[in-house]
Amino acid sequence: MKHKEKKMLSLLMLLFVFIFIGITLPMAAMAGPSGKVIVFHAGSLTVPFAAIEKAFEKKYPDVDVLREAGGSTKMARMISEVGKPADIMVSADYKVIDNNLIPGFADWNVRFATNQLVLCYTDQSRYADQITADNWHEILLKEDVVWGHSDPNLDPCGYRSLMVLQLAEKFYGIDGLYDKILANRPQKNIRPKSVELVNLLKTGNMDYAWEYISVASQHELKYIVLDDHINLGNYTYDTFYKQAEVKVTGKKPGTWITKTGQSCTYGITMIKDAPNPDAAIAFLQFLLSPELGLKTLEQMGQPPIVPPGIPDAKMTEQMPAQIAALVEIKD
């Protein structure tokens, strides 16, 4: 082959390479997320997150959302203490993320939804035809009534249930009410997560159980709505809520921490060493969108915070830009 022909061939090959790169790079840039995204979340989010997962996977068919539900404290400790891989952690109490994952395992914490506690029951519950928002505490004192709550050491709904009882004693002005009610609740009626109590109610093995109002609505349970002074659902009563304190197990065996009453606020974060950060960011964008994930929460009885909030500007700087664009700095 002549020198001129060789040179021409080389130029053609080089041109082909440039054309190939020019085509494939934009295609790669347009490609959506793929692979598995692991989401640890509070048990109270099981129903809405199932719907959000379905809608998200329809939009991103190459992503498989793997959800694991449980008590928020337990889920956080699975990451921080057991070392289980996860992309996203969602807690029923945003402070669980602050206390267990930041700063070692996460950099930021978005507050995206609220809730309140209610006392759930069914038609077959004892005294179902008599219980009201005024006498519920008298019903729980009856010896033939079986009632329960989730484990305060594993699930925020558990320690919040105890806070509600403490606040009821103060609100109604009945000395010793908290201890008397707890004396009528055996240890076997404490379950690892609040959603486990739903089946006990529906099968008639339990008369009453403390749940979030969203869970009660999603599972079509009857429930008693409590006064705002008691239900932990109204942030304007946070000063009153602070009177309630519950001791729960700490990070290390034999240690304890004190939880102080505060209105129910859910938090979400992305884990620092997330196995699939691209898919995690896409899921977070979907969830925190007012027209998508937050709308689903609202439709299923759980009030979203729109826009979602973070405590300070420094936290914004540590977030992916796509997520920072969806949140607002709030006290």
C-alpha atoms as a PDB file:
ATOM      1  CA  MET A   1       0.000   0.000   0.000  1.00  0.00           C
ATOM      2  CA  LYS A   2       1.322   3.408  -0.946  1.00  0.00           C
ATOM      3  CA  HIS A   3       2.181   5.938   1.710  1.00  0.00           C
ATOM      4  CA  LYS A   4      -0.605   8.304   0.613  1.00  0.00           C
ATOM      5  CA  GLU A   5      -3.171   5.507   0.806  1.00  0.00           C
ATOM      6  CA  LYS A   6      -1.977   4.490   4.265  1.00  0.00           C
ATOM      7  CA  LYS A   7      -2.279   8.080   5.430  1.00  0.00           C
ATOM      8  CA  MET A   8      -5.799   8.321   4.021  1.00  0.00           C
ATOM      9  CA  LEU A   9      -6.795   5.085   5.738  1.00  0.00           C
ATOM     10  CA  SER A  10      -5.443   6.331   9.060  1.00  0.00           C
ATOM     11  CA  LEU A  11      -7.411   9.559   8.717  1.00  0.00           C
ATOM     12  CA  LEU A  12     -10.580   7.616   7.938  1.00  0.00           C
ATOM     13  CA  MET A  13     -10.072   5.400  10.983  1.00  0.00           C
ATOM     14  CA  LEU A  14      -9.470   8.433  13.188  1.00  0.00           C
ATOM     15  CA  LEU A  15     -12.615  10.058  11.814  1.00  0.00           C
ATOM     16  CA  PHE A  16     -14.577   6.893  12.588  1.00  0.00           C
ATOM     17  CA  VAL A  17     -13.319   6.943  16.187  1.00  0.00           C
ATOM     18  CA  PHE A  18     -14.415  10.562  16.637  1.00  0.00           C
ATOM     19  CA  ILE A  19     -17.840   9.812  15.169  1.00  0.00           C
ATOM     20  CA  PHE A  20     -18.220   6.774  17.459  1.00  0.00           C
ATOM     21  CA  ILE A  21     -17.285   8.777  20.539  1.00  0.00           C
ATOM     22  CA  GLY A  22     -19.598  11.589  19.491  1.00  0.00           C
ATOM     23  CA  ILE A  23     -22.504   9.174  19.281  1.00  0.00           C
ATOM     24  CA  THR A  24     -21.884   7.044  22.358  1.00  0.00           C
ATOM     25  CA  LEU A  25     -21.083   9.815  24.854  1.00  0.00           C
ATOM     26  CA  PRO A  26     -24.454  11.594  24.513  1.00  0.00           C
ATOM     27  CA  MET A  27     -26.191   8.223  24.668  1.00  0.00           C
ATOM     28  CA  ALA A  28     -24.359   7.401  27.898  1.00  0.00           C
ATOM     29  CA  ALA A  29     -25.233  10.801  29.304  1.00  0.00           C
ATOM     30  CA  MET A  30     -28.917  10.235  28.495  1.00  0.00           C
ATOM     31  CA  ALA A  31     -28.997   6.750  29.994  1.00  0.00           C
ATOM     32  CA  GLY A  32     -31.033   6.591  33.164  1.00  0.00           C
ATOM     33  CA  PRO A  33     -30.036   4.939  36.442  1.00  0.00           C
ATOM     34  CA  SER A  34     -29.863   1.168  36.609  1.00  0.00           C
ATOM     35  CA  GLY A  35     -29.185  -1.653  39.047  1.00  0.00           C
ATOM     36  CA  LYS A  36     -30.449  -2.170  42.567  1.00  0.00           C
ATOM     37  CA  VAL A  37     -31.149   0.586  45.082  1.00  0.00           C
ATOM     38  CA  ILE A  38     -31.450  -0.511  48.710  1.00  0.00           C
ATOM     39  CA  VAL A  39     -33.895   1.447  50.865  1.00  0.00           C
ATOM     40  CA  PHE A  40     -34.190   0.915  54.638  1.00  0.00           C
ATOM     41  CA  HIS A  41     -37.347   2.553  55.943  1.00  0.00           C
ATOM     42  CA  ALA A  42     -39.713   2.848  58.891  1.00  0.00           C
ATOM     43  CA  GLY A  43     -42.414   0.200  59.023  1.00  0.00           C
ATOM     44  CA  SER A  44     -45.090   2.906  59.030  1.00  0.00           C
ATOM     45  CA  LEU A  45     -44.047   3.799  55.463  1.00  0.00           C
ATOM     46  CA  THR A  46     -44.587   0.284  54.080  1.00  0.00           C
ATOM     47  CA  VAL A  47     -47.843   0.952  52.230  1.00  0.00           C
ATOM     48  CA  PRO A  48     -46.976   4.315  50.606  1.00  0.00           C
ATOM     49  CA  PHE A  49     -43.450   3.184  49.760  1.00  0.00           C
ATOM     50  CA  ALA A  50     -44.834   0.118  47.983  1.00  0.00           C
ATOM     51  CA  ALA A  51     -46.820   2.471  45.755  1.00  0.00           C
ATOM     52  CA  ILE A  52     -43.846   4.815  45.294  1.00  0.00           C
ATOM     53  CA  GLU A  53     -41.606   1.865  44.395  1.00  0.00           C
ATOM     54  CA  LYS A  54     -44.044   0.719  41.721  1.00  0.00           C
ATOM     55  CA  ALA A  55     -44.316   4.182  40.173  1.00  0.00           C
ATOM     56  CA  PHE A  56     -40.550   4.764  40.336  1.00  0.00           C
ATOM     57  CA  GLU A  57     -39.725   1.438  38.664  1.00  0.00           C
ATOM     58  CA  LYS A  58     -42.233   2.229  35.929  1.00  0.00           C
ATOM     59  CA  LYS A  59     -40.348   5.452  35.223  1.00  0.00           C
ATOM     60  CA  TYR A  60     -36.933   3.782  35.589  1.00  0.00           C
ATOM     61  CA  PRO A  61     -37.416   0.171  34.419  1.00  0.00           C
ATOM     62  CA  ASP A  62     -33.702  -0.598  34.744  1.00  0.00           C
ATOM     63  CA  VAL A  63     -33.767   0.026  38.516  1.00  0.00           C
ATOM     64  CA  ASP A  64     -34.875  -2.549  41.082  1.00  0.00           C
ATOM     65  CA  VAL A  65     -35.875  -1.004  44.415  1.00  0.00           C
ATOM     66  CA  LEU A  66     -35.104  -3.322  47.323  1.00  0.00           C
ATOM     67  CA  ARG A  67     -36.951  -2.175  50.446  1.00  0.00           C
ATOM     68  CA  GLU A  68     -36.451  -3.388  53.998  1.00  0.00           C
ATOM     69  CA  ALA A  69     -38.903  -2.144  56.622  1.00  0.00           C
ATOM     70  CA  GLY A  70     -38.643  -2.158  60.398  1.00  0.00           C
ATOM     71  CA  GLY A  71     -38.341   0.002  63.459  1.00  0.00           C
ATOM     72  CA  SER A  72     -36.353   3.086  62.482  1.00  0.00           C
ATOM     73  CA  THR A  73     -33.791   2.731  65.271  1.00  0.00           C
ATOM     74  CA  LYS A  74     -33.254  -0.915  64.373  1.00  0.00           C
ATOM     75  CA  MET A  75     -32.828  -0.069  60.666  1.00  0.00           C
ATOM     76  CA  ALA A  76     -30.289   2.661  61.425  1.00  0.00           C
ATOM     77  CA  ARG A  77     -28.316   0.329  63.668  1.00  0.00           C
ATOM     78  CA  MET A  78     -28.268  -2.320  60.942  1.00  0.00           C
ATOM     79  CA  ILE A  79     -26.240   0.199  58.945  1.00  0.00           C
ATOM     80  CA  SER A  80     -24.076   1.724  61.676  1.00  0.00           C
ATOM     81  CA  GLU A  81     -23.446  -1.336  63.855  1.00  0.00           C
ATOM     82  CA  VAL A  82     -24.033  -4.429  61.714  1.00  0.00           C
ATOM     83  CA  GLY A  83     -22.588  -2.938  58.532  1.00  0.00           C
ATOM     84  CA  LYS A  84     -25.450  -3.864  56.215  1.00  0.00           C
ATOM     85  CA  PRO A  85     -25.172  -2.091  52.830  1.00  0.00           C
ATOM     86  CA  ALA A  86     -27.858   0.483  52.055  1.00  0.00           C
ATOM     87  CA  ASP A  87     -28.318   3.433  49.731  1.00  0.00           C
ATOM     88  CA  ILE A  88     -31.069   5.272  51.575  1.00  0.00           C
ATOM     89  CA  MET A  89     -32.332   5.382  55.166  1.00  0.00           C
ATOM     90  CA  VAL A  90     -35.801   6.723  56.010  1.00  0.00           C
ATOM     91  CA  SER A  91     -36.775   7.215  59.653  1.00  0.00           C
ATOM     92  CA  ALA A  92     -40.094   7.925  61.365  1.00  0.00           C
ATOM     93  CA  ASP A  93     -38.089  10.190  63.684  1.00  0.00           C
ATOM     94  CA  TYR A  94     -35.524  12.357  61.940  1.00  0.00           C
ATOM     95  CA  LYS A  95     -33.439  12.407  65.132  1.00  0.00           C
ATOM     96  CA  VAL A  96     -32.679   8.696  64.681  1.00  0.00           C
ATOM     97  CA  ILE A  97     -30.614   9.663  61.638  1.00  0.00           C
ATOM     98  CA  ASP A  98     -28.937  12.496  63.528  1.00  0.00           C
ATOM     99  CA  ASN A  99     -28.070  10.256  66.473  1.00  0.00           C
ATOM    100  CA  ASN A 100     -27.099   7.031  64.693  1.00  0.00           C
ATOM    101  CA  LEU A 101     -25.813   7.925  61.223  1.00  0.00           C
ATOM    102  CA  ILE A 102     -24.464  11.494  61.195  1.00  0.00           C
ATOM    103  CA  PRO A 103     -21.566  12.149  60.767  1.00  0.00           C
ATOM    104  CA  GLY A 104     -20.065   8.685  60.343  1.00  0.00           C
ATOM    105  CA  PHE A 105     -22.494   7.244  57.810  1.00  0.00           C
ATOM    106  CA  ALA A 106     -24.402  10.225  56.416  1.00  0.00           C
ATOM    107  CA  ASP A 107     -23.891  13.954  55.913  1.00  0.00           C
ATOM    108  CA  TRP A 108     -27.413  15.351  55.760  1.00  0.00           C
ATOM    109  CA  ASN A 109     -30.982  14.749  56.882  1.00  0.00           C
ATOM    110  CA  VAL A 110     -34.109  15.960  55.071  1.00  0.00           C
ATOM    111  CA  ARG A 111     -37.375  16.337  57.011  1.00  0.00           C
ATOM    112  CA  PHE A 112     -40.134  15.417  54.586  1.00  0.00           C
ATOM    113  CA  ALA A 113     -43.316  14.256  56.379  1.00  0.00           C
ATOM    114  CA  THR A 114     -45.276  14.405  59.628  1.00  0.00           C
ATOM    115  CA  ASN A 115     -47.712  12.169  61.500  1.00  0.00           C
ATOM    116  CA  GLN A 116     -49.653  11.833  64.748  1.00  0.00           C
ATOM    117  CA  LEU A 117     -50.456   8.987  67.113  1.00  0.00           C
ATOM    118  CA  VAL A 118     -53.914   7.476  67.420  1.00  0.00           C
ATOM    119  CA  LEU A 119     -55.392   4.597  69.433  1.00  0.00           C
ATOM    120  CA  CYS A 120     -56.538   1.911  66.981  1.00  0.00           C
ATOM    121  CA  TYR A 121     -59.192  -0.754  67.401  1.00  0.00           C
ATOM    122  CA  THR A 122     -61.755  -2.822  65.447  1.00  0.00           C
ATOM    123  CA  ASP A 123     -65.444  -3.667  65.791  1.00  0.00           C
ATOM    124  CA  GLN A 124     -64.499  -6.807  67.707  1.00  0.00           C
ATOM    125  CA  SER A 125     -62.407  -4.934  70.305  1.00  0.00           C
ATOM    126  CA  ARG A 126     -63.776  -5.020  73.838  1.00  0.00           C
ATOM    127  CA  TYR A 127     -65.747  -1.835  74.617  1.00  0.00           C
ATOM    128  CA  ALA A 128     -65.551  -0.753  70.961  1.00  0.00           C
ATOM    129  CA  ASP A 129     -69.068   0.633  71.309  1.00  0.00           C
ATOM    130  CA  GLN A 130     -68.149   2.672  74.382  1.00  0.00           C
ATOM    131  CA  ILE A 131     -64.679   4.140  73.792  1.00  0.00           C
ATOM    132  CA  THR A 132     -64.404   7.859  73.010  1.00  0.00           C
ATOM    133  CA  ALA A 133     -61.762  10.578  72.862  1.00  0.00           C
ATOM    134  CA  ASP A 134     -62.670  11.427  76.459  1.00  0.00           C
ATOM    135  CA  ASN A 135     -62.653   7.984  78.120  1.00  0.00           C
ATOM    136  CA  TRP A 136     -60.000   6.002  76.181  1.00  0.00           C
ATOM    137  CA  HIS A 137     -57.622   6.021  79.143  1.00  0.00           C
ATOM    138  CA  GLU A 138     -60.340   4.500  81.327  1.00  0.00           C
ATOM    139  CA  ILE A 139     -60.856   1.711  78.780  1.00  0.00           C
ATOM    140  CA  LEU A 140     -57.121   0.869  78.752  1.00  0.00           C
ATOM    141  CA  LEU A 141     -57.267   0.449  82.533  1.00  0.00           C
ATOM    142  CA  LYS A 142     -59.855  -2.343  82.355  1.00  0.00           C
ATOM    143  CA  GLU A 143     -58.346  -5.722  83.270  1.00  0.00           C
ATOM    144  CA  ASP A 144     -60.010  -7.602  80.411  1.00  0.00           C
ATOM    145  CA  VAL A 145     -58.678  -5.221  77.750  1.00  0.00           C
ATOM    146  CA  VAL A 146     -55.626  -6.319  75.743  1.00  0.00           C
ATOM    147  CA  TRP A 147     -53.611  -3.433  74.389  1.00  0.00           C
ATOM    148  CA  GLY A 148     -50.047  -2.915  73.179  1.00  0.00           C
ATOM    149  CA  HIS A 149     -47.434  -0.803  71.454  1.00  0.00           C
ATOM    150  CA  SER A 150     -44.154  -1.284  69.591  1.00  0.00           C
ATOM    151  CA  ASP A 151     -40.736  -1.644  71.216  1.00  0.00           C
ATOM    152  CA  PRO A 152     -39.440   1.801  72.257  1.00  0.00           C
ATOM    153  CA  ASN A 153     -35.852   0.569  71.872  1.00  0.00           C
ATOM    154  CA  LEU A 154     -36.385  -0.315  68.214  1.00  0.00           C
ATOM    155  CA  ASP A 155     -39.213   1.835  66.910  1.00  0.00           C
ATOM    156  CA  PRO A 156     -40.010   5.557  67.352  1.00  0.00           C
ATOM    157  CA  CYS A 157     -43.726   4.733  67.490  1.00  0.00           C
ATOM    158  CA  GLY A 158     -42.896   2.734  70.622  1.00  0.00           C
ATOM    159  CA  TYR A 159     -41.358   5.549  72.624  1.00  0.00           C
ATOM    160  CA  ARG A 160     -43.897   7.978  71.208  1.00  0.00           C
ATOM    161  CA  SER A 161     -46.701   5.737  72.523  1.00  0.00           C
ATOM    162  CA  LEU A 162     -45.239   6.033  76.023  1.00  0.00           C
ATOM    163  CA  MET A 163     -44.900   9.789  75.598  1.00  0.00           C
ATOM    164  CA  VAL A 164     -48.586  10.032  74.707  1.00  0.00           C
ATOM    165  CA  LEU A 165     -49.473   8.284  77.981  1.00  0.00           C
ATOM    166  CA  GLN A 166     -47.196  10.586  79.978  1.00  0.00           C
ATOM    167  CA  LEU A 167     -48.735  13.648  78.329  1.00  0.00           C
ATOM    168  CA  ALA A 168     -52.236  12.305  78.983  1.00  0.00           C
ATOM    169  CA  GLU A 169     -51.478  12.191  82.727  1.00  0.00           C
ATOM    170  CA  LYS A 170     -50.461  15.843  82.627  1.00  0.00           C
ATOM    171  CA  PHE A 171     -53.254  16.976  80.309  1.00  0.00           C
ATOM    172  CA  TYR A 172     -56.041  15.267  82.261  1.00  0.00           C
ATOM    173  CA  GLY A 173     -54.421  16.002  85.631  1.00  0.00           C
ATOM    174  CA  ILE A 174     -54.690  12.390  86.821  1.00  0.00           C
ATOM    175  CA  ASP A 175     -51.774  11.516  89.115  1.00  0.00           C
ATOM    176  CA  GLY A 176     -50.284   8.081  88.483  1.00  0.00           C
ATOM    177  CA  LEU A 177     -52.246   7.491  85.268  1.00  0.00           C
ATOM    178  CA  TYR A 178     -49.117   6.567  83.278  1.00  0.00           C
ATOM    179  CA  ASP A 179     -47.975   3.866  85.699  1.00  0.00           C
ATOM    180  CA  LYS A 180     -51.480   2.469  86.142  1.00  0.00           C
ATOM    181  CA  ILE A 181     -52.037   2.084  82.404  1.00  0.00           C
ATOM    182  CA  LEU A 182     -48.655   0.433  81.869  1.00  0.00           C
ATOM    183  CA  ALA A 183     -49.369  -1.982  84.701  1.00  0.00           C
ATOM    184  CA  ASN A 184     -52.253  -3.291  82.576  1.00  0.00           C
ATOM    185  CA  ARG A 185     -49.954  -4.005  79.603  1.00  0.00           C
ATOM    186  CA  PRO A 186     -47.817  -7.183  79.839  1.00  0.00           C
ATOM    187  CA  GLN A 187     -44.402  -7.318  78.139  1.00  0.00           C
ATOM    188  CA  LYS A 188     -45.700  -9.805  75.559  1.00  0.00           C
ATOM    189  CA  ASN A 189     -47.865  -6.993  74.153  1.00  0.00           C
ATOM    190  CA  ILE A 190     -44.764  -5.058  73.091  1.00  0.00           C
ATOM    191  CA  ARG A 191     -43.827  -5.879  69.489  1.00  0.00           C
ATOM    192  CA  PRO A 192     -40.675  -4.977  67.485  1.00  0.00           C
ATOM    193  CA  LYS A 193     -42.509  -2.633  65.095  1.00  0.00           C
ATOM    194  CA  SER A 194     -45.868  -0.933  65.162  1.00  0.00           C
ATOM    195  CA  VAL A 195     -47.223  -2.442  61.946  1.00  0.00           C
ATOM    196  CA  GLU A 196     -47.033  -5.927  63.520  1.00  0.00           C
ATOM    197  CA  LEU A 197     -49.808  -4.827  65.852  1.00  0.00           C
ATOM    198  CA  VAL A 198     -52.166  -4.364  62.905  1.00  0.00           C
ATOM    199  CA  ASN A 199     -52.494  -8.121  62.370  1.00  0.00           C
ATOM    200  CA  LEU A 200     -53.096  -8.672  66.086  1.00  0.00           C
ATOM    201  CA  LEU A 201     -55.951  -6.180  65.964  1.00  0.00           C
ATOM    202  CA  LYS A 202     -57.509  -7.637  62.832  1.00  0.00           C
ATOM    203  CA  THR A 203     -57.342 -11.209  64.151  1.00  0.00           C
ATOM    204  CA  GLY A 204     -58.900 -10.230  67.462  1.00  0.00           C
ATOM    205  CA  ASN A 205     -55.800 -11.063  69.495  1.00  0.00           C
ATOM    206  CA  MET A 206     -55.496  -7.470  70.651  1.00  0.00           C
ATOM    207  CA  ASP A 207     -58.179  -4.907  71.435  1.00  0.00           C
ATOM    208  CA  TYR A 208     -56.250  -1.657  71.120  1.00  0.00           C
ATOM    209  CA  ALA A 209     -52.853  -0.580  69.771  1.00  0.00           C
ATOM    210  CA  TRP A 210     -50.995   2.672  69.302  1.00  0.00           C
ATOM    211  CA  GLU A 211     -50.296   3.519  65.658  1.00  0.00           C
ATOM    212  CA  TYR A 212     -49.676   6.472  63.393  1.00  0.00           C
ATOM    213  CA  ILE A 213     -52.825   7.926  61.861  1.00  0.00           C
ATOM    214  CA  SER A 214     -51.436   7.151  58.390  1.00  0.00           C
ATOM    215  CA  VAL A 215     -51.091   3.445  59.257  1.00  0.00           C
ATOM    216  CA  ALA A 216     -54.603   3.376  60.721  1.00  0.00           C
ATOM    217  CA  SER A 217     -56.005   4.917  57.546  1.00  0.00           C
ATOM    218  CA  GLN A 218     -54.024   2.680  55.187  1.00  0.00           C
ATOM    219  CA  HIS A 219     -55.167  -0.483  57.000  1.00  0.00           C
ATOM    220  CA  GLU A 220     -58.757   0.707  57.433  1.00  0.00           C
ATOM    221  CA  LEU A 221     -58.687   0.519  61.216  1.00  0.00           C
ATOM    222  CA  LYS A 222     -60.979   2.398  63.542  1.00  0.00           C
ATOM    223  CA  TYR A 223     -59.155   4.894  65.733  1.00  0.00           C
ATOM    224  CA  ILE A 224     -59.499   7.525  68.416  1.00  0.00           C
ATOM    225  CA  VAL A 225     -58.126  10.964  67.536  1.00  0.00           C
ATOM    226  CA  LEU A 226     -56.517  12.513  70.607  1.00  0.00           C
ATOM    227  CA  ASP A 227     -56.288  16.128  71.674  1.00  0.00           C
ATOM    228  CA  ASP A 228     -53.365  18.004  70.094  1.00  0.00           C
ATOM    229  CA  HIS A 229     -51.807  18.331  73.550  1.00  0.00           C
ATOM    230  CA  ILE A 230     -51.329  14.547  73.511  1.00  0.00           C
ATOM    231  CA  ASN A 231     -51.032  13.223  69.937  1.00  0.00           C
ATOM    232  CA  LEU A 232     -47.545  14.571  69.072  1.00  0.00           C
ATOM    233  CA  GLY A 233     -48.948  15.772  65.760  1.00  0.00           C
ATOM    234  CA  ASN A 234     -48.914  19.544  66.139  1.00  0.00           C
ATOM    235  CA  TYR A 235     -45.556  21.315  66.240  1.00  0.00           C
ATOM    236  CA  THR A 236     -47.109  24.356  67.938  1.00  0.00           C
ATOM    237  CA  TYR A 237     -47.423  22.179  71.067  1.00  0.00           C
ATOM    238  CA  ASP A 238     -43.761  21.144  71.111  1.00  0.00           C
ATOM    239  CA  THR A 239     -43.217  23.016  74.374  1.00  0.00           C
ATOM    240  CA  PHE A 240     -45.906  20.872  76.016  1.00  0.00           C
ATOM    241  CA  TYR A 241     -44.576  17.708  74.359  1.00  0.00           C
ATOM    242  CA  LYS A 242     -41.136  18.306  75.879  1.00  0.00           C
ATOM    243  CA  GLN A 243     -42.532  17.353  79.276  1.00  0.00           C
ATOM    244  CA  ALA A 244     -42.514  13.695  78.157  1.00  0.00           C
ATOM    245  CA  GLU A 245     -39.267  11.723  78.439  1.00  0.00           C
ATOM    246  CA  VAL A 246     -38.553   8.058  77.701  1.00  0.00           C
ATOM    247  CA  LYS A 247     -35.299   6.167  78.273  1.00  0.00           C
ATOM    248  CA  VAL A 248     -34.215   3.833  75.474  1.00  0.00           C
ATOM    249  CA  THR A 249     -31.131   1.708  74.879  1.00  0.00           C
ATOM    250  CA  GLY A 250     -28.063   3.503  73.541  1.00  0.00           C
ATOM    251  CA  LYS A 251     -25.605   2.572  70.798  1.00  0.00           C
ATOM    252  CA  LYS A 252     -23.532   0.404  73.141  1.00  0.00           C
ATOM    253  CA  PRO A 253     -24.892  -2.405  75.338  1.00  0.00           C
ATOM    254  CA  GLY A 254     -25.716  -1.214  78.821  1.00  0.00           C
ATOM    255  CA  THR A 255     -26.018   2.445  77.815  1.00  0.00           C
ATOM    256  CA  TRP A 256     -29.178   4.544  77.748  1.00  0.00           C
ATOM    257  CA  ILE A 257     -30.331   7.732  76.078  1.00  0.00           C
ATOM    258  CA  THR A 258     -33.348   9.892  76.887  1.00  0.00           C
ATOM    259  CA  LYS A 259     -35.878  10.732  74.188  1.00  0.00           C
ATOM    260  CA  THR A 260     -37.754  13.980  74.733  1.00  0.00           C
ATOM    261  CA  GLY A 261     -41.248  14.604  73.395  1.00  0.00           C
ATOM    262  CA  GLN A 262     -41.500  16.417  70.071  1.00  0.00           C
ATOM    263  CA  SER A 263     -43.947  16.484  67.170  1.00  0.00           C
ATOM    264  CA  CYS A 264     -43.597  13.554  64.735  1.00  0.00           C
ATOM    265  CA  THR A 265     -41.244  14.421  61.885  1.00  0.00           C
ATOM    266  CA  TYR A 266     -39.829  11.924  59.383  1.00  0.00           C
ATOM    267  CA  GLY A 267     -36.283  12.145  58.017  1.00  0.00           C
ATOM    268  CA  ILE A 268     -34.430  10.728  55.009  1.00  0.00           C
ATOM    269  CA  THR A 269     -30.771  10.555  53.992  1.00  0.00           C
ATOM    270  CA  MET A 270     -28.423   8.907  51.517  1.00  0.00           C
ATOM    271  CA  ILE A 271     -25.682   6.751  53.016  1.00  0.00           C
ATOM    272  CA  LYS A 272     -22.128   7.952  52.347  1.00  0.00           C
ATOM    273  CA  ASP A 273     -20.902   4.684  50.818  1.00  0.00           C
ATOM    274  CA  ALA A 274     -24.158   4.007  48.955  1.00  0.00           C
ATOM    275  CA  PRO A 275     -23.616   1.048  46.564  1.00  0.00           C
ATOM    276  CA  ASN A 276     -25.633   2.759  43.815  1.00  0.00           C
ATOM    277  CA  PRO A 277     -25.548   6.552  44.307  1.00  0.00           C
ATOM    278  CA  ASP A 278     -26.972   7.383  40.866  1.00  0.00           C
ATOM    279  CA  ALA A 279     -30.096   5.301  41.455  1.00  0.00           C
ATOM    280  CA  ALA A 280     -30.316   6.574  45.033  1.00  0.00           C
ATOM    281  CA  ILE A 281     -30.321  10.201  43.869  1.00  0.00           C
ATOM    282  CA  ALA A 282     -32.987   9.411  41.270  1.00  0.00           C
ATOM    283  CA  PHE A 283     -35.156   7.757  43.944  1.00  0.00           C
ATOM    284  CA  LEU A 284     -34.721  10.708  46.306  1.00  0.00           C
ATOM    285  CA  GLN A 285     -35.659  13.147  43.530  1.00  0.00           C
ATOM    286  CA  PHE A 286     -38.779  11.105  42.843  1.00  0.00           C
ATOM    287  CA  LEU A 287     -39.761  10.785  46.497  1.00  0.00           C
ATOM    288  CA  LEU A 288     -39.210  14.451  47.379  1.00  0.00           C
ATOM    289  CA  SER A 289     -41.071  15.782  44.342  1.00  0.00           C
ATOM    290  CA  PRO A 290     -44.385  17.450  45.317  1.00  0.00           C
ATOM    291  CA  GLU A 291     -46.056  15.983  42.210  1.00  0.00           C
ATOM    292  CA  LEU A 292     -44.737  12.438  42.712  1.00  0.00           C
ATOM    293  CA  GLY A 293     -43.618  10.885  46.015  1.00  0.00           C
ATOM    294  CA  LEU A 294     -44.919  13.588  48.356  1.00  0.00           C
ATOM    295  CA  LYS A 295     -48.280  13.537  46.571  1.00  0.00           C
ATOM    296  CA  THR A 296     -48.509   9.778  47.151  1.00  0.00           C
ATOM    297  CA  LEU A 297     -47.860  10.254  50.871  1.00  0.00           C
ATOM    298  CA  GLU A 298     -50.626  12.835  51.094  1.00  0.00           C
ATOM    299  CA  GLN A 299     -53.065  10.595  49.219  1.00  0.00           C
ATOM    300  CA  MET A 300     -52.349   7.817  51.711  1.00  0.00           C
ATOM    301  CA  GLY A 301     -53.036   9.875  54.806  1.00  0.00           C
ATOM    302  CA  GLN A 302     -49.537  11.038  55.693  1.00  0.00           C
ATOM    303  CA  PRO A 303     -49.030  14.825  55.573  1.00  0.00           C
ATOM    304  CA  PRO A 304     -45.882  15.710  53.572  1.00  0.00           C
ATOM    305  CA  ILE A 305     -43.691  18.712  54.324  1.00  0.00           C
ATOM    306  CA  VAL A 306     -43.707  20.821  51.154  1.00  0.00           C
ATOM    307  CA  PRO A 307     -41.047  21.788  50.422  1.00  0.00           C
ATOM    308  CA  PRO A 308     -39.015  19.366  52.562  1.00  0.00           C
ATOM    309  CA  GLY A 309     -36.770  21.032  55.118  1.00  0.00           C
ATOM    310  CA  ILE A 310     -33.178  20.952  56.351  1.00  0.00           C
ATOM    311  CA  PRO A 311     -31.773  22.810  59.379  1.00  0.00           C
ATOM    312  CA  ASP A 312     -28.971  24.885  57.839  1.00  0.00           C
ATOM    313  CA  ALA A 313     -27.128  25.981  54.687  1.00  0.00           C
ATOM    314  CA  LYS A 314     -24.050  23.924  55.549  1.00  0.00           C
ATOM    315  CA  MET A 315     -26.077  20.751  55.126  1.00  0.00           C
ATOM    316  CA  THR A 316     -27.226  21.932  51.689  1.00  0.00           C
ATOM    317  CA  GLU A 317     -23.612  22.133  50.546  1.00  0.00           C
ATOM    318  CA  GLN A 318     -23.098  18.472  51.413  1.00  0.00           C
ATOM    319  CA  MET A 319     -26.114  17.267  49.427  1.00  0.00           C
ATOM    320  CA  PRO A 320     -26.251  16.255  45.755  1.00  0.00           C
ATOM    321  CA  ALA A 321     -27.330  19.322  43.768  1.00  0.00           C
ATOM    322  CA  GLN A 322     -30.424  17.527  42.479  1.00  0.00           C
ATOM    323  CA  ILE A 323     -31.685  17.017  46.045  1.00  0.00           C
ATOM    324  CA  ALA A 324     -30.622  20.432  47.349  1.00  0.00           C
ATOM    325  CA  ALA A 325     -32.833  21.992  44.677  1.00  0.00           C
ATOM    326  CA  LEU A 326     -35.903  20.351  46.240  1.00  0.00           C
ATOM    327  CA  VAL A 327     -35.419  21.406  49.883  1.00  0.00           C
ATOM    328  CA  GLU A 328     -35.646  24.579  51.923  1.00  0.00           C
ATOM    329  CA  ILE A 329     -33.764  25.708  55.020  1.00  0.00           C
ATOM    330  CA  LYS A 330     -36.140  25.600  57.996  1.00  0.00           C
ATOM    331  CA  ASP A 331     -35.636  25.803  61.742  1.00  0.00           C
END
